[in-house]
C-alpha atoms as a PDB file:
ATOM      1  CA  MET A   1     162.265-109.410-133.060  1.00  0.00           C
ATOM      2  CA  THR A   2     164.620-107.192-135.216  1.00  0.00           C
ATOM      3  CA  GLN A   3     165.972-103.954-133.434  1.00  0.00           C
ATOM      4  CA  LEU A   4     167.244-100.820-134.843  1.00  0.00           C
ATOM      5  CA  SER A   5     169.985 -98.595-133.274  1.00  0.00           C
ATOM      6  CA  PRO A   6     169.514 -95.051-133.901  1.00  0.00           C
ATOM      7  CA  ASP A   7     172.040 -95.157-136.752  1.00  0.00           C
ATOM      8  CA  GLY A   8     169.548 -97.610-138.176  1.00  0.00           C
ATOM      9  CA  VAL A   9     172.225-100.908-137.637  1.00  0.00           C
ATOM     10  CA  ASN A  10     170.544-104.385-138.171  1.00  0.00           C
ATOM     11  CA  HIS A  11     171.278-106.289-134.281  1.00  0.00           C
ATOM     12  CA  PHE A  12     169.123-108.851-134.778  1.00  0.00           C
ATOM     13  CA  VAL A  13     171.852-111.131-135.805  1.00  0.00           C
ATOM     14  CA  ASN A  14     174.137-109.967-132.483  1.00  0.00           C
ATOM     15  CA  THR A  15     171.161-110.739-130.378  1.00  0.00           C
ATOM     16  CA  MET A  16     170.144-114.203-131.676  1.00  0.00           C
ATOM     17  CA  ALA A  17     174.334-115.176-131.732  1.00  0.00           C
ATOM     18  CA  ILE A  18     174.529-114.220-128.374  1.00  0.00           C
ATOM     19  CA  GLU A  19     171.310-116.226-127.280  1.00  0.00           C
ATOM     20  CA  ALA A  20     172.816-119.257-128.686  1.00  0.00           C
ATOM     21  CA  GLY A  21     175.714-118.989-127.574  1.00  0.00           C
ATOM     22  CA  HIS A  22     174.422-118.413-123.627  1.00  0.00           C
ATOM     23  CA  ARG A  23     172.143-121.553-124.539  1.00  0.00           C
ATOM     24  CA  ARG A  24     175.431-123.717-125.665  1.00  0.00           C
ATOM     25  CA  GLY A  25     176.988-122.339-122.557  1.00  0.00           C
ATOM     26  CA  ILE A  26     179.737-120.492-124.659  1.00  0.00           C
ATOM     27  CA  PHE A  27     179.723-116.400-125.843  1.00  0.00           C
ATOM     28  CA  ALA A  28     179.289-115.897-128.960  1.00  0.00           C
ATOM     29  CA  PHE A  29     182.113-113.814-128.565  1.00  0.00           C
ATOM     30  CA  ALA A  30     184.063-116.605-127.450  1.00  0.00           C
ATOM     31  CA  ARG A  31     186.554-115.473-124.496  1.00  0.00           C
ATOM     32  CA  ARG A  32     189.680-117.708-123.893  1.00  0.00           C
ATOM     33  CA  SER A  33     189.288-119.657-121.107  1.00  0.00           C
ATOM     34  CA  CYS A  34     191.131-118.525-117.990  1.00  0.00           C
ATOM     35  CA  PHE A  35     192.698-121.889-117.723  1.00  0.00           C
ATOM     36  CA  ASN A  36     194.496-121.523-121.061  1.00  0.00           C
ATOM     37  CA  ALA A  37     196.325-118.039-120.179  1.00  0.00           C
ATOM     38  CA  PRO A  38     200.079-118.381-120.904  1.00  0.00           C
ATOM     39  CA  VAL A  39     203.193-116.798-119.287  1.00  0.00           C
ATOM     40  CA  ARG A  40     203.749-113.697-120.595  1.00  0.00           C
ATOM     41  CA  ALA A  41     206.759-111.425-120.910  1.00  0.00           C
ATOM     42  CA  VAL A  42     207.359-108.279-121.731  1.00  0.00           C
ATOM     43  CA  VAL A  43     211.221-107.883-123.026  1.00  0.00           C
ATOM     44  CA  GLN A  44     212.894-104.583-122.585  1.00  0.00           C
ATOM     45  CA  ARG A  45     216.818-104.205-124.178  1.00  0.00           C
ATOM     46  CA  VAL A  46     218.480-102.306-121.718  1.00  0.00           C
ATOM     47  CA  ALA A  47     221.450 -99.799-121.549  1.00  0.00           C
ATOM     48  CA  GLU A  48     220.506-100.529-117.398  1.00  0.00           C
ATOM     49  CA  ALA A  49     217.677-100.643-115.175  1.00  0.00           C
ATOM     50  CA  ARG A  50     217.477-101.056-111.423  1.00  0.00           C
ATOM     51  CA  VAL A  51     213.478-102.072-108.985  1.00  0.00           C
ATOM     52  CA  SER A  52     213.801-100.425-105.940  1.00  0.00           C
ATOM     53  CA  VAL A  53     210.689-101.305-102.954  1.00  0.00           C
ATOM     54  CA  GLY A  54     210.214 -98.801-100.682  1.00  0.00           C
ATOM     55  CA  GLY A  55     213.417 -96.410-101.912  1.00  0.00           C
ATOM     56  CA  GLU A  56     215.794 -99.709-101.322  1.00  0.00           C
ATOM     57  CA  ILE A  57     216.988-100.883-104.808  1.00  0.00           C
ATOM     58  CA  VAL A  58     216.409-105.025-104.473  1.00  0.00           C
ATOM     59  CA  GLY A  59     217.748-105.521-108.282  1.00  0.00           C
ATOM     60  CA  SER A  60     219.596-103.353-110.650  1.00  0.00           C
ATOM     61  CA  ILE A  61     221.959-104.581-113.863  1.00  0.00           C
ATOM     62  CA  ALA A  62     223.514-102.755-116.268  1.00  0.00           C
ATOM     63  CA  ARG A  63     223.496-104.020-120.466  1.00  0.00           C
ATOM     64  CA  GLY A  64     220.601-106.532-120.056  1.00  0.00           C
ATOM     65  CA  LEU A  65     217.160-107.418-120.649  1.00  0.00           C
ATOM     66  CA  CYS A  66     214.402-106.110-118.430  1.00  0.00           C
ATOM     67  CA  VAL A  67     211.490-108.695-118.230  1.00  0.00           C
ATOM     68  CA  LEU A  68     208.066-108.326-116.897  1.00  0.00           C
ATOM     69  CA  LEU A  69     206.806-111.074-115.627  1.00  0.00           C
ATOM     70  CA  GLY A  70     203.210-112.452-115.747  1.00  0.00           C
ATOM     71  CA  VAL A  71     201.948-115.976-115.122  1.00  0.00           C
ATOM     72  CA  GLY A  72     198.516-117.343-115.541  1.00  0.00           C
ATOM     73  CA  ARG A  73     195.855-119.310-114.001  1.00  0.00           C
ATOM     74  CA  GLY A  74     197.016-122.639-115.889  1.00  0.00           C
ATOM     75  CA  ASP A  75     200.995-121.917-116.075  1.00  0.00           C
ATOM     76  CA  THR A  76     203.248-125.313-115.681  1.00  0.00           C
ATOM     77  CA  GLU A  77     206.753-125.569-114.714  1.00  0.00           C
ATOM     78  CA  ALA A  78     207.425-126.239-118.228  1.00  0.00           C
ATOM     79  CA  ASP A  79     206.094-123.160-119.374  1.00  0.00           C
ATOM     80  CA  ALA A  80     208.074-120.887-117.082  1.00  0.00           C
ATOM     81  CA  ASP A  81     211.526-122.816-118.796  1.00  0.00           C
ATOM     82  CA  VAL A  82     210.672-122.601-122.042  1.00  0.00           C
ATOM     83  CA  LEU A  83     209.529-118.836-121.530  1.00  0.00           C
ATOM     84  CA  CYS A  84     213.068-118.249-119.999  1.00  0.00           C
ATOM     85  CA  ARG A  85     214.793-120.235-122.267  1.00  0.00           C
ATOM     86  CA  LYS A  86     213.757-118.201-124.935  1.00  0.00           C
ATOM     87  CA  ILE A  87     214.367-115.389-123.882  1.00  0.00           C
ATOM     88  CA  VAL A  88     217.724-116.186-122.938  1.00  0.00           C
ATOM     89  CA  ALA A  89     218.507-117.075-126.293  1.00  0.00           C
ATOM     90  CA  LEU A  90     216.801-113.753-127.978  1.00  0.00           C
ATOM     91  CA  ARG A  91     218.691-112.268-130.268  1.00  0.00           C
ATOM     92  CA  VAL A  92     218.049-108.449-129.934  1.00  0.00           C
ATOM     93  CA  PHE A  93     221.472-107.480-129.946  1.00  0.00           C
ATOM     94  CA  GLU A  94     223.515-105.755-132.799  1.00  0.00           C
ATOM     95  CA  ASP A  95     226.302-107.252-134.450  1.00  0.00           C
ATOM     96  CA  ASP A  96     228.730-104.725-136.185  1.00  0.00           C
ATOM     97  CA  ALA A  97     227.274-104.582-139.392  1.00  0.00           C
ATOM     98  CA  GLY A  98     223.416-103.141-137.127  1.00  0.00           C
ATOM     99  CA  ARG A  99     221.360-106.253-137.552  1.00  0.00           C
ATOM    100  CA  PHE A 100     219.936-108.734-134.699  1.00  0.00           C
ATOM    101  CA  ALA A 101     222.243-111.353-134.103  1.00  0.00           C
ATOM    102  CA  HIS A 102     223.471-111.366-130.197  1.00  0.00           C
ATOM    103  CA  SER A 103     222.039-113.423-127.216  1.00  0.00           C
ATOM    104  CA  LEU A 104     222.238-111.891-123.810  1.00  0.00           C
ATOM    105  CA  ALA A 105     225.194-114.506-123.470  1.00  0.00           C
ATOM    106  CA  ASP A 106     226.717-113.748-126.082  1.00  0.00           C
ATOM    107  CA  VAL A 107     226.843-109.975-125.097  1.00  0.00           C
ATOM    108  CA  CYS A 108     228.316-111.035-121.599  1.00  0.00           C
ATOM    109  CA  GLY A 109     224.570-109.304-120.734  1.00  0.00           C
ATOM    110  CA  ALA A 110     222.399-109.500-117.387  1.00  0.00           C
ATOM    111  CA  LEU A 111     218.569-110.175-116.725  1.00  0.00           C
ATOM    112  CA  LEU A 112     216.529-108.360-114.188  1.00  0.00           C
ATOM    113  CA  VAL A 113     212.815-110.230-113.658  1.00  0.00           C
ATOM    114  CA  VAL A 114     210.099-108.017-112.312  1.00  0.00           C
ATOM    115  CA  SER A 115     207.027-110.032-111.490  1.00  0.00           C
ATOM    116  CA  GLN A 116     203.873-108.221-113.110  1.00  0.00           C
ATOM    117  CA  PHE A 117     200.489-109.621-112.389  1.00  0.00           C
ATOM    118  CA  THR A 118     198.989-106.536-114.245  1.00  0.00           C
ATOM    119  CA  LEU A 119     199.844-108.109-117.433  1.00  0.00           C
ATOM    120  CA  TYR A 120     196.922-110.263-116.795  1.00  0.00           C
ATOM    121  CA  GLY A 121     194.619-107.008-116.500  1.00  0.00           C
ATOM    122  CA  ASP A 122     191.268-107.498-118.334  1.00  0.00           C
ATOM    123  CA  VAL A 123     189.403-104.255-119.347  1.00  0.00           C
ATOM    124  CA  ARG A 124     186.992-105.646-122.127  1.00  0.00           C
ATOM    125  CA  GLY A 125     184.462-105.877-119.733  1.00  0.00           C
ATOM    126  CA  GLY A 126     184.891-102.025-118.458  1.00  0.00           C
ATOM    127  CA  ARG A 127     187.788 -99.444-117.065  1.00  0.00           C
ATOM    128  CA  ARG A 128     188.405-101.576-114.124  1.00  0.00           C
ATOM    129  CA  PRO A 129     191.342-104.245-114.961  1.00  0.00           C
ATOM    130  CA  SER A 130     189.910-107.748-114.054  1.00  0.00           C
ATOM    131  CA  PHE A 131     192.832-110.214-112.964  1.00  0.00           C
ATOM    132  CA  THR A 132     190.967-113.636-113.237  1.00  0.00           C
ATOM    133  CA  ASP A 133     193.468-114.598-115.459  1.00  0.00           C
ATOM    134  CA  ALA A 134     196.703-114.568-113.158  1.00  0.00           C
ATOM    135  CA  ALA A 135     197.366-117.144-111.031  1.00  0.00           C
ATOM    136  CA  PRO A 136     196.696-117.385-107.663  1.00  0.00           C
ATOM    137  CA  ALA A 137     200.082-115.560-105.867  1.00  0.00           C
ATOM    138  CA  GLU A 138     201.448-118.466-104.141  1.00  0.00           C
ATOM    139  CA  ARG A 139     201.142-120.292-107.471  1.00  0.00           C
ATOM    140  CA  ALA A 140     202.839-116.982-109.472  1.00  0.00           C
ATOM    141  CA  GLU A 141     205.395-116.969-106.543  1.00  0.00           C
ATOM    142  CA  ALA A 142     206.666-120.410-107.508  1.00  0.00           C
ATOM    143  CA  LEU A 143     206.943-120.367-111.608  1.00  0.00           C
ATOM    144  CA  TYR A 144     208.453-116.525-110.921  1.00  0.00           C
ATOM    145  CA  GLU A 145     210.848-118.099-108.910  1.00  0.00           C
ATOM    146  CA  ARG A 146     211.457-121.074-111.025  1.00  0.00           C
ATOM    147  CA  PHE A 147     212.054-118.767-114.060  1.00  0.00           C
ATOM    148  CA  VAL A 148     215.008-116.901-112.044  1.00  0.00           C
ATOM    149  CA  GLU A 149     216.499-119.751-110.998  1.00  0.00           C
ATOM    150  CA  ARG A 150     216.424-121.306-114.906  1.00  0.00           C
ATOM    151  CA  ALA A 151     217.963-118.489-116.005  1.00  0.00           C
ATOM    152  CA  ARG A 152     220.623-118.196-113.404  1.00  0.00           C
ATOM    153  CA  ALA A 153     221.318-121.660-113.916  1.00  0.00           C
ATOM    154  CA  ASP A 154     222.377-121.250-117.482  1.00  0.00           C
ATOM    155  CA  GLY A 155     225.246-118.800-115.801  1.00  0.00           C
ATOM    156  CA  LEU A 156     223.742-115.512-116.237  1.00  0.00           C
ATOM    157  CA  SER A 157     223.873-112.622-113.624  1.00  0.00           C
ATOM    158  CA  VAL A 158     220.063-112.196-112.978  1.00  0.00           C
ATOM    159  CA  ALA A 159     219.106-109.475-110.681  1.00  0.00           C
ATOM    160  CA  ALA A 160     215.169-109.567-108.984  1.00  0.00           C
ATOM    161  CA  GLY A 161     212.454-107.517-108.110  1.00  0.00           C
ATOM    162  CA  ARG A 162     210.619-108.500-104.422  1.00  0.00           C
ATOM    163  CA  PHE A 163     207.756-110.861-105.343  1.00  0.00           C
ATOM    164  CA  ARG A 164     204.419-109.326-103.734  1.00  0.00           C
ATOM    165  CA  ALA A 165     206.028-106.083-103.521  1.00  0.00           C
ATOM    166  CA  HIS A 166     204.891-102.098-104.448  1.00  0.00           C
ATOM    167  CA  MET A 167     207.900-101.771-106.657  1.00  0.00           C
ATOM    168  CA  ALA A 168     209.703 -98.431-108.891  1.00  0.00           C
ATOM    169  CA  LEU A 169     211.423 -99.661-112.258  1.00  0.00           C
ATOM    170  CA  ALA A 170     213.851 -97.603-113.406  1.00  0.00           C
ATOM    171  CA  LEU A 171     215.359 -98.375-116.370  1.00  0.00           C
ATOM    172  CA  VAL A 172     217.108 -96.781-119.828  1.00  0.00           C
ATOM    173  CA  ASN A 173     215.235 -98.694-122.916  1.00  0.00           C
ATOM    174  CA  ASP A 174     218.025 -99.794-125.593  1.00  0.00           C
ATOM    175  CA  GLY A 175     217.018 -99.098-128.755  1.00  0.00           C
ATOM    176  CA  PRO A 176     213.828 -98.984-128.300  1.00  0.00           C
ATOM    177  CA  VAL A 177     214.295-102.579-128.160  1.00  0.00           C
ATOM    178  CA  THR A 178     210.363-104.114-126.528  1.00  0.00           C
ATOM    179  CA  LEU A 179     209.176-107.626-127.129  1.00  0.00           C
ATOM    180  CA  VAL A 180     206.103-109.204-126.194  1.00  0.00           C
ATOM    181  CA  LEU A 181     206.608-112.875-125.460  1.00  0.00           C
ATOM    182  CA  ASP A 182     204.090-115.500-124.397  1.00  0.00           C
ATOM    183  CA  THR A 183     203.336-119.291-124.550  1.00  0.00           C
ATOM    184  CA  ALA A 184     200.825-119.581-125.666  1.00  0.00           C
ATOM    185  CA  GLY A 185     201.751-120.620-129.151  1.00  0.00           C
ATOM    186  CA  ASN A 186     204.570-122.360-127.495  1.00  0.00           C
ATOM    187  CA  VAL A 187     206.999-120.098-127.822  1.00  0.00           C
END
């Protein structure tokens, strides 16, 4: 059956592809499995940043990186370790010539890590986000804490938000420099 929309677009091919996809047990518009969701991070180079809970500052840094960290359903300790190593080694601080040449350790910078499950908000199905790709809270907290401890073990000054708390984040983005990383491509 061929259906034409008012603007004359033929929907027959799309309809058949969707029906065939359902028969094969997959969708024609290949939605990524929640079990393959990577650890995600939004990394911002900052002149300063602080996070508060209920008006109380629970973490603050001067020059460094602010990391919003989201943990996916299928993430492992190895994923958290890989992403932490990558972020700590990012060369996003400028040398005298203005090139990105220095890492956090090179500039004696600090790290502020804030848990951010909303990085897994999926609005493809409507206007209200779905968070089914985010890891359950207990698992996410364990990997978040592992990330923070891994960064501290590297000798960095690390401040952190409070997991599962409603937080207020204030920062001065330096540059601005903002990067989005995940472990899907083995960062």
